[in-house]
Protein backbone atom coordinates (compact mmCIF):
# COMPACT_ATOMS: atom_id res chain seq x y z
CA MET A 1 -24.73 7.26 -16.00
CA VAL A 2 -25.50 9.52 -19.28
CA VAL A 3 -27.06 12.82 -18.25
CA ALA A 4 -29.99 12.85 -20.41
CA PRO A 5 -31.36 16.34 -22.30
CA THR A 6 -33.83 18.94 -20.12
CA LEU A 7 -37.02 19.11 -20.59
CA ARG A 8 -36.27 22.63 -21.58
CA THR A 9 -33.64 21.40 -24.17
CA VAL A 10 -36.57 19.68 -25.63
CA VAL A 11 -38.95 22.03 -26.37
CA ARG A 12 -36.48 25.05 -27.08
CA ARG A 13 -35.79 23.27 -30.39
CA LEU A 14 -37.52 25.42 -32.75
CA PRO A 15 -38.45 23.29 -35.56
CA LEU A 16 -40.79 21.02 -33.13
CA LYS A 17 -42.87 24.22 -32.11
CA LEU A 18 -43.86 23.36 -28.86
CA GLY A 19 -45.42 25.41 -26.36
CA VAL A 20 -45.82 25.32 -22.41
CA LEU A 21 -48.80 25.59 -20.89
CA THR A 22 -48.33 24.29 -17.22
CA GLY A 23 -45.39 23.31 -15.23
CA GLN A 24 -42.55 26.08 -16.54
CA ASP A 25 -40.55 25.80 -13.00
CA ALA A 26 -40.45 21.85 -13.49
CA LEU A 27 -38.62 22.32 -17.03
CA ASP A 28 -35.45 21.33 -15.68
CA ARG A 29 -36.57 17.59 -15.51
CA PRO A 30 -34.00 15.15 -17.20
CA VAL A 31 -35.98 13.59 -20.31
CA ARG A 32 -35.25 9.89 -20.13
CA TRP A 33 -36.80 8.77 -23.22
CA VAL A 34 -40.08 9.45 -24.92
CA ALA A 35 -43.03 7.16 -24.48
CA VAL A 36 -46.11 7.32 -26.96
CA SER A 37 -49.48 6.42 -25.69
CA GLU A 38 -53.21 6.97 -26.01
CA LEU A 39 -53.79 3.77 -22.57
CA GLU A 40 -56.10 5.86 -19.96
CA ASP A 41 -53.65 4.14 -17.70
CA PRO A 42 -49.82 4.09 -19.22
CA THR A 43 -47.90 3.46 -16.03
CA PRO A 44 -47.35 -0.36 -15.85
CA PHE A 45 -45.21 0.74 -18.96
CA LEU A 46 -43.16 3.30 -17.88
CA GLU A 47 -40.58 3.35 -15.53
CA GLY A 48 -40.15 7.05 -14.87
CA GLY A 49 -38.05 10.21 -16.17
CA GLU A 50 -39.97 10.09 -19.95
CA LEU A 51 -41.77 12.55 -21.17
CA VAL A 52 -45.21 10.87 -22.68
CA LEU A 53 -47.15 11.65 -25.44
CA THR A 54 -50.87 11.60 -26.47
CA THR A 55 -53.88 12.81 -28.42
CA GLY A 56 -55.89 12.46 -25.59
CA MET A 57 -58.28 9.69 -27.44
CA ARG A 58 -59.47 8.23 -23.46
CA LEU A 59 -59.01 11.38 -21.94
CA GLY A 60 -62.39 13.31 -20.88
CA ALA A 61 -63.49 15.86 -18.35
CA ASP A 62 -64.08 12.85 -15.58
CA ASN A 63 -60.69 11.09 -15.84
CA ALA A 64 -58.19 13.68 -16.13
CA GLY A 65 -57.32 14.63 -12.55
CA PRO A 66 -56.66 10.52 -12.31
CA TYR A 67 -54.75 10.56 -15.07
CA VAL A 68 -52.32 13.54 -14.31
CA ASP A 69 -52.11 12.00 -10.49
CA ARG A 70 -51.07 8.73 -12.31
CA LEU A 71 -48.27 10.12 -14.18
CA VAL A 72 -47.00 12.02 -11.61
CA GLY A 73 -46.98 9.57 -8.72
CA LYS A 74 -44.89 7.22 -11.51
CA GLY A 75 -42.20 10.44 -11.89
CA VAL A 76 -42.61 11.25 -15.53
CA THR A 77 -41.14 13.97 -16.59
CA GLY A 78 -43.60 15.59 -18.42
CA LEU A 79 -46.78 15.30 -20.67
CA GLY A 80 -47.17 16.23 -24.30
CA PHE A 81 -50.33 16.56 -25.97
CA GLY A 82 -50.77 16.58 -29.78
CA VAL A 83 -53.71 18.97 -30.46
CA GLY A 84 -55.67 18.88 -34.11
CA LEU A 85 -56.81 15.03 -34.14
CA GLY A 86 -58.91 13.89 -30.99
CA HIS A 87 -59.12 17.28 -29.27
CA GLU A 88 -58.32 21.08 -31.42
CA VAL A 89 -57.28 22.61 -27.93
CA ILE A 90 -56.30 20.68 -24.79
CA PRO A 91 -59.09 19.96 -22.29
CA ALA A 92 -59.48 22.60 -19.60
CA GLY A 93 -59.74 19.79 -17.48
CA LEU A 94 -56.80 18.03 -18.51
CA VAL A 95 -54.92 21.50 -17.97
CA GLU A 96 -56.14 22.09 -14.51
CA ALA A 97 -55.40 18.88 -13.34
CA ALA A 98 -51.13 19.69 -14.75
CA ALA A 99 -51.18 22.88 -13.34
CA ARG A 100 -52.42 21.76 -9.78
CA ALA A 101 -50.17 18.86 -9.91
CA GLY A 102 -47.01 20.81 -11.13
CA LEU A 103 -46.61 18.54 -13.93
CA PRO A 104 -45.31 20.29 -17.16
CA LEU A 105 -47.69 20.31 -20.19
CA ILE A 106 -46.90 20.90 -23.15
CA GLU A 107 -49.02 21.15 -26.40
CA VAL A 108 -47.89 19.51 -29.73
CA PRO A 109 -49.23 21.42 -32.97
CA ARG A 110 -50.97 18.86 -35.15
CA ASP A 111 -47.98 19.42 -38.07
CA THR A 112 -45.22 18.12 -35.44
CA PRO A 113 -45.38 14.48 -35.58
CA PHE A 114 -44.75 12.52 -32.35
CA VAL A 115 -42.05 10.62 -33.95
CA ALA A 116 -40.08 13.59 -34.57
CA ILE A 117 -39.84 14.08 -30.57
CA GLY A 118 -38.23 11.33 -29.99
CA LYS A 119 -35.88 11.92 -33.18
CA VAL A 120 -34.96 14.82 -30.74
CA VAL A 121 -34.69 13.41 -27.73
CA SER A 122 -32.84 9.86 -29.08
CA ASP A 123 -30.58 12.34 -30.78
CA LEU A 124 -29.64 14.25 -27.62
CA ILE A 125 -29.05 11.28 -25.35
CA ALA A 126 -26.89 9.76 -27.92
CA ALA A 127 -25.17 13.92 -27.72
CA GLU A 128 -24.72 13.24 -24.11
CA GLN A 129 -23.23 8.96 -24.31
CA TYR A 130 -21.07 10.22 -27.24
CA ASP A 131 -19.90 13.24 -25.09
CA GLU A 132 -19.35 11.07 -22.07
CA ILE A 133 -17.13 8.41 -23.55
CA ARG A 134 -15.10 11.28 -25.24
CA ARG A 135 -14.95 12.46 -21.71
CA ALA A 136 -13.62 9.25 -20.50
CA PHE A 137 -10.99 8.40 -23.23
CA ALA A 138 -9.66 11.88 -22.25
CA THR A 139 -9.73 11.21 -18.73
CA GLN A 140 -7.50 8.01 -18.99
CA GLY A 141 -5.24 10.13 -21.25
CA ARG A 142 -4.90 12.67 -18.50
CA LEU A 143 -4.13 9.70 -16.33
CA THR A 144 -1.73 7.32 -18.75
CA ARG A 145 -0.23 10.79 -18.53
CA ALA A 146 -0.02 10.92 -14.70
CA ALA A 147 1.31 7.33 -14.53
CA LEU A 148 4.24 8.23 -16.56
CA ARG A 149 5.54 11.11 -13.96
CA PRO A 150 8.23 10.34 -11.53
CA GLU A 151 5.71 9.84 -8.90
CA GLY A 152 3.33 7.78 -10.96
CA PRO A 153 1.60 5.77 -8.48
CA ARG A 154 0.45 9.20 -6.54
CA ALA A 155 -0.21 11.30 -9.67
CA VAL A 156 -3.04 8.44 -10.96
CA ILE A 157 -4.38 9.05 -7.23
CA ASP A 158 -4.51 12.58 -7.57
CA GLY A 159 -5.89 12.49 -11.34
CA LEU A 160 -8.73 9.71 -10.34
CA ALA A 161 -9.88 11.92 -7.53
CA ARG A 162 -9.82 14.98 -9.47
CA GLU A 163 -11.38 13.56 -12.44
CA LEU A 164 -14.56 12.09 -10.63
CA GLY A 165 -14.85 14.43 -8.41
CA GLY A 166 -14.56 12.61 -5.01
CA TRP A 167 -11.73 11.08 -3.61
CA ALA A 168 -9.08 8.10 -3.81
CA VAL A 169 -6.58 6.49 -1.47
CA LEU A 170 -3.68 4.60 -2.47
CA LEU A 171 -2.98 1.76 0.48
CA ASP A 172 0.15 -0.61 0.58
CA GLU A 173 -0.25 -4.93 1.59
CA ALA A 174 -1.20 -4.22 4.60
CA GLY A 175 -3.55 -1.74 4.44
CA ALA A 176 -2.01 1.59 5.70
CA VAL A 177 -2.81 4.54 3.37
CA ARG A 178 0.21 5.30 1.52
CA HIS A 179 -1.38 8.72 -0.06
CA ALA A 180 -4.70 10.06 -0.08
CA ALA A 181 -6.41 12.75 -2.96
CA GLY A 182 -9.45 14.41 -2.66
CA LYS A 183 -11.99 15.02 0.83
CA GLY A 184 -14.16 12.53 2.52
CA ALA A 185 -12.22 9.76 2.76
CA THR A 186 -13.34 8.71 6.51
CA GLY A 187 -13.63 5.32 6.30
CA ILE A 188 -10.88 3.55 5.34
CA ALA A 189 -10.31 2.13 8.34
CA GLY A 190 -13.20 0.09 8.71
CA LEU A 191 -12.10 -1.71 5.01
CA ARG A 192 -9.62 -3.69 6.31
CA PRO A 193 -11.27 -6.75 6.89
CA GLU A 194 -12.84 -6.63 3.44
CA LEU A 195 -9.30 -6.13 2.38
CA GLU A 196 -8.42 -9.51 3.98
CA ARG A 197 -11.41 -10.90 1.54
CA LEU A 198 -9.68 -9.39 -1.37
CA ARG A 199 -5.81 -10.52 -0.56
CA ARG A 200 -7.23 -13.65 0.03
CA PRO A 201 -10.07 -14.53 -2.24
CA ALA A 202 -12.05 -17.76 -1.09
CA GLY A 203 -10.92 -20.41 -3.36
CA GLY A 204 -7.77 -18.98 -4.59
CA GLY A 205 -7.97 -17.27 -8.09
CA THR A 206 -7.67 -13.78 -9.23
CA PRO A 207 -8.89 -11.15 -6.50
CA ALA A 208 -11.91 -8.99 -7.63
CA SER A 209 -12.61 -5.35 -6.95
CA LEU A 210 -14.95 -4.84 -3.90
CA ALA A 211 -17.80 -2.07 -3.73
CA LEU A 212 -19.71 -1.09 -0.98
CA SER A 213 -22.90 1.30 -0.63
CA THR A 214 -24.45 3.75 1.82
CA PRO A 215 -26.67 6.31 1.89
CA GLY A 216 -24.33 9.04 1.53
CA GLU A 217 -21.40 7.16 0.07
CA HIS A 218 -20.21 5.18 -2.60
CA VAL A 219 -16.69 3.17 -2.84
CA ILE A 220 -15.24 0.71 -5.01
CA VAL A 221 -11.92 -1.11 -3.70
CA GLN A 222 -9.50 -3.11 -6.04
CA PRO A 223 -6.57 -4.68 -5.83
CA ILE A 224 -3.19 -4.20 -7.14
CA GLY A 225 -0.38 -6.02 -8.22
CA ALA A 226 0.02 -8.54 -11.61
CA ARG A 227 1.02 -11.47 -10.12
CA ARG A 228 0.18 -11.27 -6.14
CA VAL A 229 -1.37 -7.88 -4.52
CA ARG A 230 1.16 -5.33 -4.14
CA GLY A 231 -1.15 -3.02 -2.42
CA PHE A 232 -4.93 -1.66 -3.23
CA PHE A 233 -6.76 1.91 -4.02
CA ALA A 234 -10.09 2.79 -3.20
CA VAL A 235 -12.48 5.69 -4.60
CA GLY A 236 -15.40 6.95 -2.99
CA LEU A 237 -18.30 9.18 -4.17
CA ASP A 238 -20.92 10.73 -2.75
CA ARG A 239 -23.51 9.55 -5.77
CA PRO A 240 -23.52 5.87 -7.49
CA PHE A 241 -20.60 5.48 -9.98
CA SER A 242 -21.84 5.46 -13.52
CA PRO A 243 -20.51 3.24 -16.24
CA VAL A 244 -18.23 5.30 -17.61
CA ALA A 245 -16.98 6.13 -14.46
CA HIS A 246 -16.29 2.10 -13.86
CA THR A 247 -14.49 2.38 -17.09
CA VAL A 248 -12.14 5.29 -15.89
CA ILE A 249 -11.59 3.20 -12.29
CA ASN A 250 -10.21 -0.04 -14.28
CA ALA A 251 -8.31 1.89 -16.24
CA ALA A 252 -6.63 3.63 -13.08
CA GLY A 253 -6.05 0.08 -11.63
CA SER A 254 -4.36 -1.23 -14.91
CA LEU A 255 -2.13 2.03 -14.90
CA LEU A 256 -1.33 1.78 -11.09
CA THR A 257 -0.35 -2.11 -11.90
CA LEU A 258 1.79 -1.60 -14.35
CA THR A 259 3.56 1.58 -12.66
CA ILE A 260 3.95 -0.52 -9.63
CA GLU A 261 5.22 -3.86 -10.98
CA HIS A 262 7.68 -1.48 -13.78
CA GLY A 263 8.60 0.30 -10.71
CA ARG A 264 9.60 -2.73 -8.78
CA GLU A 265 11.47 -4.38 -11.52
CA HIS A 266 13.25 -0.72 -12.14
CA LEU A 267 13.88 -1.07 -8.21
CA ALA A 268 15.27 -4.73 -8.73
CA ALA A 269 17.45 -4.09 -11.55
CA GLU A 270 19.02 -1.13 -9.76
CA ARG A 271 19.56 -2.89 -6.93
CA ARG A 272 21.28 -5.97 -8.67
CA VAL A 273 23.79 -3.41 -10.13
CA ARG A 274 24.63 -1.88 -6.68
CA SER A 275 25.04 -5.23 -5.53
CA ALA A 276 27.40 -5.52 -8.12
CA ALA A 277 29.05 -1.98 -7.39
CA LEU A 278 29.80 -3.18 -4.21
CA ARG A 279 31.30 -6.76 -4.74
CA LEU A 280 33.45 -4.97 -7.33
CA LEU A 281 34.64 -2.37 -4.49
CA LEU A 282 35.16 -5.27 -2.12
CA ALA A 283 37.41 -6.48 -4.32
CA GLY A 284 39.62 -3.56 -4.46
CA GLN A 285 38.44 -2.68 -7.93
CA VAL A 286 37.43 0.80 -6.71
CA ARG A 287 37.22 2.70 -10.18
CA ALA A 288 34.86 -0.38 -11.91
CA GLY A 289 32.48 0.21 -8.73
CA GLN A 290 32.80 3.82 -8.80
CA GLU A 291 31.99 3.87 -12.48
CA THR A 292 29.10 1.09 -12.21
CA LEU A 293 27.73 3.55 -9.89
CA GLU A 294 27.43 6.56 -11.69
CA LEU A 295 25.55 4.83 -14.27
CA LEU A 296 22.61 4.93 -11.79
CA GLY A 297 23.78 8.57 -11.22
CA GLY A 298 25.26 8.35 -8.30
CA GLY A 299 28.61 7.42 -6.49
CA LEU A 300 30.77 7.21 -2.91
CA PRO A 301 30.47 10.02 -0.78
CA ASP A 302 34.00 12.16 -1.02
CA GLY A 303 36.33 11.85 2.00
CA PRO A 304 36.77 8.80 4.32
CA LEU A 305 34.02 6.03 4.49
CA VAL A 306 32.20 4.11 6.99
CA VAL A 307 30.58 1.11 6.40
CA LEU A 308 27.26 -0.33 8.28
CA ALA A 309 26.21 -3.95 8.26
CA VAL A 310 21.94 -3.78 8.99
CA GLY A 311 20.31 -7.00 9.70
CA GLY A 312 16.29 -7.17 9.97
CA ASP A 313 14.22 -6.71 7.08
CA GLN A 314 16.10 -5.76 3.99
CA GLU A 315 13.03 -3.89 1.87
CA ALA A 316 12.68 -1.64 5.19
CA VAL A 317 16.35 -1.06 5.56
CA LEU A 318 16.71 -0.26 1.69
CA GLU A 319 14.19 2.02 1.84
CA ALA A 320 14.84 3.64 4.95
CA ALA A 321 18.87 4.71 3.46
CA GLY A 322 17.22 6.65 1.16
CA GLU A 323 19.92 7.92 -0.85
CA GLU A 324 22.65 6.75 0.90
CA PHE A 325 24.70 4.04 -1.03
CA ALA A 326 23.20 0.71 0.22
CA ALA A 327 23.29 -2.94 -0.93
CA ASP A 328 21.43 -5.64 -0.21
CA ALA A 329 24.27 -8.55 0.76
CA GLU A 330 23.03 -12.14 1.91
CA GLU A 331 21.20 -11.77 5.16
CA ARG A 332 21.90 -8.39 5.22
CA VAL A 333 22.27 -4.85 3.83
CA VAL A 334 25.52 -2.66 3.52
CA VAL A 335 25.46 0.98 3.72
CA VAL A 336 28.42 2.97 2.47
CA VAL A 337 27.82 6.60 4.09
CA ALA A 338 30.51 9.56 4.94
CA ALA A 339 32.08 9.18 8.27
CA ASP A 340 30.45 12.17 9.54
CA ARG A 341 27.04 11.00 8.61
CA ALA A 342 27.57 7.28 10.22
CA GLU A 343 25.85 8.26 13.21
CA GLU A 344 23.17 9.85 11.84
CA ALA A 345 22.15 7.03 9.64
CA ALA A 346 22.45 4.54 11.89
CA ALA A 347 20.12 6.36 14.08
CA ALA A 348 17.83 6.16 11.03
CA LEU A 349 18.32 2.58 10.37
CA ARG A 350 18.28 0.81 13.72
CA GLU A 351 14.39 1.42 13.69
CA HIS A 352 14.59 -1.78 11.06
CA GLY A 353 17.07 -4.09 12.78
CA PRO A 354 20.62 -4.35 14.26
CA VAL A 355 23.22 -1.63 12.64
CA GLY A 356 26.99 -2.29 13.10
CA ILE A 357 29.31 0.02 12.66
CA GLY A 358 32.65 0.13 11.24
CA SER A 359 36.00 2.53 11.74
CA PRO A 360 36.52 5.34 9.06
CA VAL A 361 38.10 3.58 5.77
CA GLY A 362 39.55 4.40 2.48
CA PRO A 363 37.71 3.62 -0.88
CA ASP A 364 40.32 0.85 -1.38
CA GLU A 365 39.55 -0.62 2.02
CA LEU A 366 36.06 -0.79 1.72
CA ARG A 367 36.56 -4.55 2.27
CA THR A 368 38.16 -4.12 6.26
CA GLY A 369 35.52 -1.60 6.92
CA LEU A 370 32.69 -4.34 5.82
CA ASP A 371 34.79 -7.09 8.39
CA GLN A 372 34.83 -4.29 11.03
CA ALA A 373 30.89 -4.00 10.58
CA ASP A 374 29.99 -7.27 10.20
CA ARG A 375 31.73 -8.17 13.60
CA ALA A 376 30.21 -5.15 15.06
CA LEU A 377 26.50 -6.07 13.77
CA ALA A 378 27.27 -9.66 15.08
CA ALA A 379 27.41 -8.48 18.76
CA ALA A 380 24.37 -5.79 17.77
CA ARG A 381 22.43 -8.83 17.51
CA ARG A 382 22.87 -9.74 21.46
CA VAL A 383 22.76 -6.18 22.76
CA ALA A 384 19.69 -4.12 23.50
CA GLY A 385 20.51 -1.04 22.30
CA ARG A 386 20.44 -2.46 18.77
CA VAL A 387 23.62 -0.47 17.72
CA MET A 388 27.28 -1.70 18.16
CA ARG A 389 30.74 0.13 17.00
CA PHE A 390 33.67 -2.01 16.14
CA ALA A 391 35.66 0.57 17.86
CA ASP A 392 34.02 -0.39 21.06
CA LEU A 393 34.25 -4.22 20.90
CA ALA A 394 37.81 -3.58 22.72
CA GLY A 395 36.25 -2.44 25.71
CA GLN A 396 33.48 -5.14 25.80
CA GLY A 397 35.80 -7.38 25.91
CA LEU A 398 35.91 -11.25 24.52
CA LEU A 399 33.31 -12.49 25.86
CA SER A 400 30.91 -9.64 24.40
CA LEU A 401 31.89 -11.23 21.32
CA LEU A 402 30.60 -14.51 21.77
CA ASP A 403 26.86 -16.00 21.51
CA PRO A 404 25.30 -16.43 24.96
CA GLU A 405 23.26 -19.36 23.92
CA VAL A 406 25.68 -20.56 21.96
CA ALA A 407 28.79 -19.82 24.89
CA GLY A 408 26.15 -21.03 27.58
CA ALA A 409 26.00 -24.36 25.73
CA PHE A 410 29.30 -24.85 25.02
CA SER A 411 30.03 -24.30 28.85
CA ALA A 412 27.38 -26.73 30.65
CA ALA A 413 28.62 -29.01 28.05
CA LEU A 414 32.24 -28.51 29.16
CA LEU A 415 31.76 -28.65 33.03
CA ALA A 416 28.83 -31.53 33.46
CA PRO A 417 31.41 -34.11 34.35
CA LEU A 418 32.74 -31.69 37.25
CA ARG A 419 29.37 -30.97 38.44
CA GLU A 420 28.02 -34.57 38.40
CA TYR A 421 30.88 -35.70 40.32
CA GLY A 422 29.49 -36.27 43.44
CA SER A 423 27.47 -33.19 43.43
CA ARG A 424 30.70 -31.44 45.00
CA ALA A 425 31.02 -28.01 44.21
CA ASP A 426 34.53 -27.80 45.26
CA LEU A 427 35.82 -28.97 42.07
CA LEU A 428 34.29 -26.30 40.31
CA GLU A 429 35.67 -23.74 42.58
CA SER A 430 39.31 -25.19 42.71
CA LEU A 431 39.55 -24.96 38.85
CA ARG A 432 38.52 -21.32 38.77
CA ALA A 433 40.97 -20.43 41.48
CA TYR A 434 44.01 -22.21 39.92
CA LEU A 435 43.18 -20.36 36.68
CA ALA A 436 42.49 -17.69 38.07
CA CYS A 437 46.12 -18.02 39.56
CA ASN A 438 47.88 -18.89 36.26
CA GLY A 439 48.53 -22.68 37.89
CA HIS A 440 50.47 -20.82 40.64
CA TRP A 441 49.50 -24.18 43.45
CA ASP A 442 50.45 -21.93 46.43
CA ALA A 443 48.84 -19.24 45.79
CA ALA A 444 45.52 -21.19 44.13
CA ALA A 445 45.35 -23.26 47.51
CA GLN A 446 46.08 -19.93 49.54
CA ARG A 447 42.73 -18.52 47.74
CA LEU A 448 41.17 -21.88 48.62
CA GLY A 449 41.87 -22.21 52.31
CA VAL A 450 43.22 -26.06 51.79
CA HIS A 451 46.84 -27.64 51.22
CA ARG A 452 48.48 -27.52 48.33
CA HIS A 453 48.52 -31.20 48.01
CA THR A 454 45.09 -31.09 48.41
CA LEU A 455 44.69 -28.84 45.18
CA ARG A 456 46.90 -30.95 43.13
CA TYR A 457 44.38 -34.41 44.17
CA ARG A 458 41.28 -32.27 43.14
CA MET A 459 42.86 -30.76 39.65
CA ARG A 460 44.44 -34.02 38.72
CA ARG A 461 40.83 -35.42 39.12
CA VAL A 462 39.59 -32.42 37.23
CA ALA A 463 41.50 -33.80 34.52
CA GLU A 464 40.55 -36.86 34.65
CA LEU A 465 36.65 -36.44 34.42
CA LEU A 466 37.49 -33.54 31.50
CA GLY A 467 39.79 -35.29 29.36
CA ARG A 468 42.29 -32.32 29.28
CA ASP A 469 45.81 -31.19 29.92
CA LEU A 470 45.52 -28.80 32.38
CA ASP A 471 49.20 -27.66 31.37
CA ASP A 472 47.93 -27.05 27.88
CA PRO A 473 47.19 -23.32 27.24
CA ALA A 474 44.26 -23.83 25.10
CA ALA A 475 42.60 -26.06 27.45
CA ARG A 476 43.25 -23.37 30.03
CA ALA A 477 41.23 -20.80 27.64
CA GLU A 478 38.63 -22.92 27.17
CA LEU A 479 37.83 -23.69 30.60
CA TRP A 480 38.43 -20.33 31.95
CA VAL A 481 35.66 -19.35 28.89
CA ALA A 482 33.68 -21.89 29.88
CA LEU A 483 33.52 -20.96 33.98
CA ALA A 484 33.20 -17.04 32.47
CA MET A 485 29.41 -17.99 31.47
CA THR A 486 28.20 -19.43 34.72
CA GLU A 487 29.40 -16.39 36.47
């Protein structure tokens, strides 16, 4: 909203030669326009805030008081009375009524045309409009320069709050606050239902902005993103937004979209380069991989390296990796760190997904390190701790490397004929004892407390039901795993 000139500014214009008779304490009221009227009741044609000019053709001693009361009730800024035409001097009754009501009463001399006053006010309003537009362009320029800084989106939010004299908040896609500037942003949590409306507008289409108003606060929320919503920003003031403020906010929205989309494109390109460098390193082309990473302003750490394979949300993992070398590869993120930082890095990444940690390797052995990390990651997906080190896998035993669900299904299918055979459990227990004694009949029979001929009969029946040669080491290994999964 344009700041209108005050009545004090108007009366101080020397060429107008205006005199103030009453209401000197109210001269700082804004003059939003000049209205000339000789009506006894001009208020139906007024909006409030006008400087009303009259020669008093219809005013007399009996109606001066009601006339002033009507003007005051409408909220006019002041009354200008032209002398030398209908009245040589301003009627005393009008002066008294204006003084009593606190209404500024301005004497307009005979040689000052009303149109001159209107022109002065119009020029002052135009000057204010031009100045406000100029300030708006200057503000947009400052916000544009802020968007070009490394912390672009946050700098835009800081500048927006400062320029408008309110608060501004940057929100992610879920409505969580990423950055806030200014004081008074107390109602952000209550905006989340409204954010859902912006995220999924009724009938599809492009999301629009949202405006909320209370007696003490006015808020505008806009989505950020070109092809889809990638976040939101909200701006709040303790007064209604002016047209120029709307222009500045719309410009900020465009800048935020550009910076975030450009940042995402830059980040995506950087990730592609990192992935290419990782492929070179894994292929043993260490020099070429290192040179590629140097183009990004980084490289592999010095000394022994440890490869981490991390599952879960790749975006979150890459962000959590920070300055470490990290690249998304297939369905996991590969992170390469100095050996002495492996545990610290794993602790930071485990919040975002299971982590597999390889053993220390040299730069030319990263393929081996990744294979180890992948094996550890497979085990980490099955344990509550979510972190597994390749060096610890040997102590977990062979069964720790198997997927419990897959191994359980394999066991159930393989041993089903034995369970279904006359509902007798002795075949399963006899097979378990036979394998535990490595095929020695006497030792196995003694463990079961049966004659060895009885055990031989049972093993022949097992071989028939399963279709397996119990003298075959591979068949024995499969049966041992299947029985171990039933314990």
